[in-house]
Amino acid sequence: MAEKCRKVCVTGGAGFLGSWLVMKLLQRGYTVHVTSRNLAQANVQALKDLPGADSQLRLFQTDTCDQGAVQEAVQGCYCVFHMATPFVHTISGFKDTTEAALAGVKSIVEACIRSGTAKRIIYTGSVVAASPLLNRDDAATSYRDCIDESCWTTPPLGIDFPFANDHLLEYAASKTMTEMELLKCGEIEVVSLTTGLVGGDTILGYAPDCMKTLLSQVTGEEVYYRMLRFIEELVGKIPIVHVEDVINAHIYCMENPSITGRFLCANGYLKTAEIADYWARHYPSIRIPQRLIEDTQRTIRWGSSKLQNVGFHYEYETDETLEQSIRCAVRLGEVSLD
């Protein structure tokens, strides 16, 4: 591989997925530029402690909307992994999360073009942007027979959407609009990995929100259970994927330049009732309240094999992802199996 291909940039590299990606890239010998809004946070120290960080890691304190700082981080890199995303709108000067996210995408694309070296953007999308909903009214809600890359969420969903709140609605809208905007970009190669609910493990010292959501029937945390059910109502079932598979997919798409476009990234598609059944069968000591077991009776199929068709292989089955998620939560003190 040419020398220019050995330097990459990861936006939001101190987060759950970003930190795992940085770890894997360092292991593979890449020089990694990481952007983070706050270099003083504990997550950044976890990156500094990774093997290879002393010689291969460069840190940049910036928001993706800061054009000058983003330019510095991207300069000299072959590929940008865009993982940073505002879940809750905190950036002044923008009316909402979507506007801030779109501004960040524009900043990154422009920085890539100006760099003269950055050829590819790998975007970490979310399945909340891939709803197979056909219609929703008081009488009935209908879905397509299967979910695949042709499915798009149509915002605005409205505050009356089941289990919705302002933050979830903004997040779904921002991820949808950002992915659409990036895929329209003709000046640079773009891969969008529209990723399911991620579980498995973490190198950080706490359980990320996605794992807490996946385990919400076990912990009984109402806020996270509502997130789980929001995803189920929006996407039909819960797409599930192991963090290792997500990160391997990102690296695979970078190292294979013929790959472009949108790819759903998940290796399981379960109803929340089926997730609860897994916990009941494997951990009978866990008593899940009946109010957290709601069987939708949906028969929507997972219809995407696009990622496998370009040669990618998932290593983890859904049962393994669930099992490792609960073991991780036990290690972090989020769940007790006593």
Protein backbone atom coordinates (compact mmCIF):
# COMPACT_ATOMS: atom_id res chain seq x y z
CA MET A 1 0.00 0.00 0.00
CA ALA A 2 1.29 3.47 -0.88
CA GLU A 3 2.62 5.62 1.97
CA LYS A 4 -0.21 8.14 1.59
CA CYS A 5 -2.67 5.36 2.37
CA ARG A 6 -1.10 4.81 5.78
CA LYS A 7 -2.46 8.03 7.30
CA VAL A 8 -6.15 8.38 8.14
CA CYS A 9 -8.42 10.69 10.14
CA VAL A 10 -11.16 9.66 12.58
CA THR A 11 -13.67 12.31 13.66
CA GLY A 12 -15.17 11.60 17.06
CA GLY A 13 -12.35 9.16 17.70
CA ALA A 14 -12.74 9.26 21.49
CA GLY A 15 -16.25 7.81 21.42
CA PHE A 16 -17.34 4.18 21.74
CA LEU A 17 -16.98 3.21 18.08
CA GLY A 18 -14.25 5.73 17.36
CA SER A 19 -11.96 4.44 20.10
CA TRP A 20 -12.33 0.85 18.89
CA LEU A 21 -11.57 1.94 15.32
CA VAL A 22 -8.49 3.89 16.46
CA MET A 23 -7.25 0.82 18.35
CA LYS A 24 -7.64 -1.39 15.28
CA LEU A 25 -6.02 1.14 12.93
CA LEU A 26 -3.01 1.52 15.22
CA GLN A 27 -2.69 -2.27 15.37
CA ARG A 28 -2.58 -2.32 11.56
CA GLY A 29 0.20 0.25 11.44
CA TYR A 30 -1.76 3.33 10.38
CA THR A 31 -0.95 6.84 11.52
CA VAL A 32 -4.23 8.11 12.93
CA HIS A 33 -5.41 11.70 13.26
CA VAL A 34 -8.24 11.94 15.80
CA THR A 35 -10.57 14.88 16.29
CA SER A 36 -12.38 15.38 19.58
CA ARG A 37 -14.36 18.29 21.01
CA ASN A 38 -12.51 18.00 24.31
CA LEU A 39 -9.01 16.52 24.61
CA ALA A 40 -9.20 16.70 28.41
CA GLN A 41 -11.91 14.03 28.71
CA ALA A 42 -11.04 10.62 30.13
CA ASN A 43 -11.83 8.88 26.84
CA VAL A 44 -8.90 10.65 25.18
CA GLN A 45 -6.52 9.27 27.79
CA ALA A 46 -7.73 5.80 26.85
CA LEU A 47 -6.57 6.52 23.28
CA LYS A 48 -3.19 7.76 24.49
CA ASP A 49 -2.73 4.51 26.41
CA LEU A 50 -3.25 2.33 23.32
CA PRO A 51 -0.22 0.43 21.97
CA GLY A 52 1.38 2.45 19.18
CA ALA A 53 -0.22 5.73 20.24
CA ASP A 54 3.10 7.39 21.12
CA SER A 55 4.33 7.28 17.53
CA GLN A 56 1.19 6.84 15.42
CA LEU A 57 -1.52 8.97 17.07
CA ARG A 58 -2.13 12.70 16.62
CA LEU A 59 -4.92 14.46 18.49
CA PHE A 60 -6.82 17.55 17.34
CA GLN A 61 -9.26 19.43 19.56
CA THR A 62 -11.96 20.64 17.23
CA ASP A 63 -15.60 20.48 16.34
CA THR A 64 -16.31 19.26 12.83
CA CYS A 65 -17.88 22.63 12.03
CA ASP A 66 -14.52 24.39 12.58
CA GLN A 67 -13.25 24.47 9.00
CA GLY A 68 -9.68 25.51 9.81
CA ALA A 69 -9.13 22.92 12.51
CA VAL A 70 -10.76 20.18 10.43
CA GLN A 71 -8.47 21.08 7.52
CA GLU A 72 -5.42 20.63 9.72
CA ALA A 73 -6.65 17.23 10.92
CA VAL A 74 -7.47 15.96 7.42
CA GLN A 75 -4.34 17.25 5.70
CA GLY A 76 -2.11 14.43 4.51
CA CYS A 77 -4.71 11.73 5.17
CA TYR A 78 -5.97 9.30 2.54
CA CYS A 79 -9.31 8.53 4.19
CA VAL A 80 -11.60 10.21 6.72
CA PHE A 81 -13.81 8.10 8.98
CA HIS A 82 -16.63 10.43 9.94
CA MET A 83 -17.97 9.09 13.24
CA ALA A 84 -18.64 12.31 15.13
CA THR A 85 -22.32 13.10 15.44
CA PRO A 86 -24.24 15.48 17.72
CA PHE A 87 -26.84 13.37 19.55
CA VAL A 88 -28.04 16.38 21.51
CA HIS A 89 -27.67 19.82 19.96
CA THR A 90 -24.99 21.70 21.87
CA ILE A 91 -23.30 23.79 19.18
CA SER A 92 -24.10 27.49 19.18
CA GLY A 93 -24.95 29.14 15.89
CA PHE A 94 -27.18 26.35 14.59
CA LYS A 95 -30.91 26.00 15.04
CA ASP A 96 -30.90 22.23 15.63
CA THR A 97 -28.90 19.01 15.50
CA THR A 98 -29.57 18.46 11.80
CA GLU A 99 -28.25 21.86 10.80
CA ALA A 100 -25.13 21.33 12.90
CA ALA A 101 -24.56 17.83 11.47
CA LEU A 102 -24.96 19.05 7.89
CA ALA A 103 -22.52 21.89 8.52
CA GLY A 104 -20.03 19.36 9.87
CA VAL A 105 -20.37 17.20 6.76
CA LYS A 106 -19.85 20.20 4.49
CA SER A 107 -16.75 21.17 6.45
CA ILE A 108 -15.28 17.67 6.18
CA VAL A 109 -15.99 17.33 2.45
CA GLU A 110 -14.42 20.71 1.73
CA ALA A 111 -11.38 19.84 3.84
CA CYS A 112 -10.95 16.56 1.95
CA ILE A 113 -11.10 18.31 -1.42
CA ARG A 114 -8.64 21.02 -0.38
CA SER A 115 -6.22 18.52 1.13
CA GLY A 116 -5.33 16.99 -2.21
CA THR A 117 -4.72 13.68 -0.41
CA ALA A 118 -8.07 12.59 1.03
CA LYS A 119 -9.85 10.38 -1.48
CA ARG A 120 -12.51 8.64 0.60
CA ILE A 121 -14.98 9.32 3.39
CA ILE A 122 -16.34 6.37 5.37
CA TYR A 123 -19.47 7.55 7.16
CA THR A 124 -20.89 5.83 10.23
CA GLY A 125 -24.62 5.97 9.61
CA SER A 126 -27.47 4.60 11.69
CA VAL A 127 -30.37 2.31 10.91
CA VAL A 128 -32.69 5.01 12.24
CA ALA A 129 -32.15 6.47 8.74
CA ALA A 130 -33.39 3.27 7.06
CA SER A 131 -37.02 2.87 8.07
CA PRO A 132 -39.10 0.37 6.06
CA LEU A 133 -42.31 2.11 7.15
CA LEU A 134 -44.87 2.46 4.38
CA ASN A 135 -47.48 4.41 6.28
CA ARG A 136 -48.56 5.17 9.81
CA ASP A 137 -52.00 6.29 10.89
CA ASP A 138 -54.45 5.71 13.70
CA ALA A 139 -55.93 2.69 11.96
CA ALA A 140 -52.78 0.74 11.11
CA THR A 141 -49.04 0.87 10.66
CA SER A 142 -47.60 -0.97 7.68
CA TYR A 143 -44.05 -1.87 6.71
CA ARG A 144 -42.33 -3.23 3.66
CA ASP A 145 -41.76 -6.99 3.57
CA CYS A 146 -38.04 -6.52 4.12
CA ILE A 147 -35.46 -3.88 5.01
CA ASP A 148 -32.56 -3.11 2.69
CA GLU A 149 -30.49 -0.20 1.34
CA SER A 150 -33.46 1.24 -0.55
CA CYS A 151 -35.23 2.06 2.74
CA TRP A 152 -35.07 5.66 3.93
CA THR A 153 -36.63 7.35 6.92
CA THR A 154 -38.88 10.24 5.95
CA PRO A 155 -38.61 13.06 8.50
CA PRO A 156 -40.26 14.71 10.24
CA LEU A 157 -41.72 11.76 12.13
CA GLY A 158 -43.70 13.89 14.56
CA ILE A 159 -43.70 13.93 18.34
CA ASP A 160 -46.62 11.47 18.39
CA PHE A 161 -44.40 8.72 16.93
CA PRO A 162 -44.36 5.78 19.38
CA PHE A 163 -41.74 6.11 22.13
CA ALA A 164 -40.36 9.29 20.58
CA ASN A 165 -38.97 12.35 22.29
CA ASP A 166 -37.37 15.48 20.88
CA HIS A 167 -33.84 14.11 21.14
CA LEU A 168 -34.65 10.84 19.34
CA LEU A 169 -36.57 12.63 16.60
CA GLU A 170 -33.72 15.09 16.05
CA TYR A 171 -31.20 12.27 16.01
CA ALA A 172 -33.17 10.29 13.41
CA ALA A 173 -33.62 13.37 11.24
CA SER A 174 -29.96 14.41 11.48
CA LYS A 175 -28.62 10.93 10.66
CA THR A 176 -30.99 10.64 7.69
CA MET A 177 -30.26 14.06 6.22
CA THR A 178 -26.50 13.78 6.81
CA GLU A 179 -26.29 10.40 5.08
CA MET A 180 -28.34 11.61 2.14
CA GLU A 181 -26.17 14.71 1.78
CA LEU A 182 -22.92 12.75 1.85
CA LEU A 183 -24.10 10.19 -0.70
CA LYS A 184 -24.92 13.03 -3.12
CA CYS A 185 -21.30 14.21 -2.98
CA GLY A 186 -19.65 13.74 -6.37
CA GLU A 187 -16.25 15.23 -5.60
CA ILE A 188 -15.00 12.41 -3.37
CA GLU A 189 -15.62 8.68 -2.88
CA VAL A 190 -18.16 7.99 -0.13
CA VAL A 191 -19.11 4.82 1.72
CA SER A 192 -21.98 4.96 4.19
CA LEU A 193 -22.25 2.11 6.68
CA THR A 194 -25.80 2.31 8.00
CA THR A 195 -25.14 0.56 11.27
CA GLY A 196 -27.44 -1.39 13.56
CA LEU A 197 -27.55 -1.31 17.36
CA VAL A 198 -23.98 -2.09 18.41
CA GLY A 199 -23.03 -4.42 21.23
CA GLY A 200 -20.17 -6.65 22.26
CA ASP A 201 -17.51 -4.83 24.25
CA THR A 202 -15.81 -1.48 24.81
CA ILE A 203 -12.31 -0.25 25.64
CA LEU A 204 -13.81 2.66 27.56
CA GLY A 205 -14.57 2.59 31.28
CA TYR A 206 -18.34 2.76 30.93
CA ALA A 207 -21.14 1.16 28.93
CA PRO A 208 -22.10 3.23 25.87
CA ASP A 209 -25.70 4.25 25.29
CA CYS A 210 -26.18 1.72 22.49
CA MET A 211 -25.21 -1.14 24.79
CA LYS A 212 -27.44 0.20 27.56
CA THR A 213 -30.25 0.29 25.02
CA LEU A 214 -29.62 -3.29 23.96
CA LEU A 215 -29.62 -4.40 27.61
CA SER A 216 -32.51 -2.23 28.76
CA GLN A 217 -34.89 -5.15 29.34
CA VAL A 218 -32.31 -6.64 31.71
CA THR A 219 -31.53 -3.43 33.60
CA GLY A 220 -35.11 -2.11 33.55
CA GLU A 221 -33.88 1.38 32.66
CA GLU A 222 -36.99 3.01 31.23
CA VAL A 223 -35.17 5.70 29.22
CA TYR A 224 -33.12 3.13 27.35
CA TYR A 225 -36.04 0.75 26.90
CA ARG A 226 -37.96 3.55 25.22
CA MET A 227 -35.00 4.01 22.88
CA LEU A 228 -35.09 0.29 22.10
CA ARG A 229 -38.79 0.39 21.33
CA PHE A 230 -38.41 3.59 19.30
CA ILE A 231 -35.92 1.80 17.07
CA GLU A 232 -38.25 -1.20 16.78
CA GLU A 233 -41.21 0.97 15.78
CA LEU A 234 -39.12 2.91 13.28
CA VAL A 235 -37.12 0.06 11.75
CA GLY A 236 -39.60 -2.80 12.26
CA LYS A 237 -37.28 -4.90 14.42
CA ILE A 238 -33.88 -4.34 16.06
CA PRO A 239 -30.85 -4.66 13.75
CA ILE A 240 -27.96 -5.89 15.92
CA VAL A 241 -24.23 -5.98 15.19
CA HIS A 242 -21.02 -6.62 17.12
CA VAL A 243 -18.60 -3.71 17.53
CA GLU A 244 -15.79 -5.80 16.06
CA ASP A 245 -17.80 -6.41 12.89
CA VAL A 246 -18.70 -2.73 12.59
CA ILE A 247 -15.07 -1.66 12.83
CA ASN A 248 -13.84 -4.41 10.53
CA ALA A 249 -16.42 -3.27 7.97
CA HIS A 250 -15.13 0.31 8.16
CA ILE A 251 -11.55 -0.78 7.58
CA TYR A 252 -12.55 -3.23 4.85
CA CYS A 253 -14.36 -0.49 2.95
CA MET A 254 -11.34 1.80 3.24
CA GLU A 255 -8.87 -0.82 2.04
CA ASN A 256 -11.02 -1.81 -0.94
CA PRO A 257 -11.33 1.39 -3.03
CA SER A 258 -13.79 -0.16 -5.49
CA ILE A 259 -16.44 -0.08 -2.74
CA THR A 260 -18.70 2.98 -2.68
CA GLY A 261 -22.29 3.76 -1.73
CA ARG A 262 -24.66 2.73 1.02
CA PHE A 263 -24.46 -0.52 2.98
CA LEU A 264 -26.60 -1.71 5.87
CA CYS A 265 -24.32 -3.11 8.56
CA ALA A 266 -25.95 -5.61 10.93
CA ASN A 267 -25.89 -9.36 11.40
CA GLY A 268 -29.14 -9.87 13.30
CA TYR A 269 -32.70 -8.55 13.08
CA LEU A 270 -34.79 -9.40 16.14
CA LYS A 271 -38.02 -8.29 17.75
CA THR A 272 -37.55 -6.92 21.25
CA ALA A 273 -39.62 -9.89 22.44
CA GLU A 274 -37.01 -12.21 20.90
CA ILE A 275 -34.23 -10.35 22.69
CA ALA A 276 -36.13 -10.77 25.96
CA ASP A 277 -36.52 -14.47 25.18
CA TYR A 278 -32.75 -14.81 24.79
CA TRP A 279 -32.18 -13.31 28.24
CA ALA A 280 -34.87 -15.54 29.76
CA ARG A 281 -33.40 -18.72 28.25
CA HIS A 282 -29.76 -18.03 29.06
CA TYR A 283 -30.15 -16.10 32.31
CA PRO A 284 -33.21 -17.49 34.11
CA SER A 285 -32.23 -15.59 37.27
CA ILE A 286 -33.01 -12.34 35.45
CA ARG A 287 -36.65 -11.41 35.87
CA ILE A 288 -37.77 -9.14 33.04
CA PRO A 289 -40.97 -7.24 33.87
CA GLN A 290 -43.85 -8.12 31.56
CA ARG A 291 -44.22 -4.45 30.63
CA LEU A 292 -40.79 -4.72 28.94
CA ILE A 293 -41.86 -7.65 26.78
CA GLU A 294 -44.05 -6.44 23.93
CA ASP A 295 -44.39 -8.78 20.97
CA THR A 296 -45.18 -6.82 17.81
CA GLN A 297 -45.83 -10.03 15.81
CA ARG A 298 -44.00 -8.46 12.86
CA THR A 299 -42.58 -10.68 10.12
CA ILE A 300 -40.34 -8.18 8.33
CA ARG A 301 -37.22 -9.84 6.91
CA TRP A 302 -33.65 -8.60 6.75
CA GLY A 303 -33.15 -8.12 3.02
CA SER A 304 -29.60 -6.81 2.78
CA SER A 305 -26.57 -8.84 1.73
CA LYS A 306 -24.86 -5.98 -0.09
CA LEU A 307 -21.90 -5.83 2.29
CA GLN A 308 -21.31 -9.58 2.02
CA ASN A 309 -21.61 -9.32 -1.76
CA VAL A 310 -18.49 -7.13 -1.87
CA GLY A 311 -16.56 -9.71 0.14
CA PHE A 312 -17.09 -8.72 3.77
CA HIS A 313 -17.62 -11.48 6.33
CA TYR A 314 -19.33 -11.06 9.71
CA GLU A 315 -17.50 -12.87 12.50
CA TYR A 316 -20.14 -12.68 15.25
CA GLU A 317 -23.59 -14.22 15.36
CA THR A 318 -26.33 -12.34 17.18
CA ASP A 319 -26.25 -14.68 20.20
CA GLU A 320 -22.53 -13.96 20.61
CA THR A 321 -23.16 -10.21 20.46
CA LEU A 322 -25.85 -10.43 23.13
CA GLU A 323 -23.73 -12.70 25.31
CA GLN A 324 -20.64 -10.50 25.12
CA SER A 325 -22.74 -7.38 25.73
CA ILE A 326 -24.09 -8.66 29.03
CA ARG A 327 -20.65 -9.90 30.08
CA CYS A 328 -19.24 -6.44 29.33
CA ALA A 329 -22.02 -4.83 31.36
CA VAL A 330 -21.27 -7.13 34.29
CA ARG A 331 -17.58 -6.21 34.11
CA LEU A 332 -18.47 -2.51 34.14
CA GLY A 333 -20.91 -2.88 37.03
CA GLU A 334 -24.00 -2.12 34.95
CA VAL A 335 -25.57 -5.56 35.48
CA SER A 336 -25.43 -8.05 38.33
CA LEU A 337 -26.08 -11.73 37.69
CA ASP A 338 -26.06 -12.75 41.37
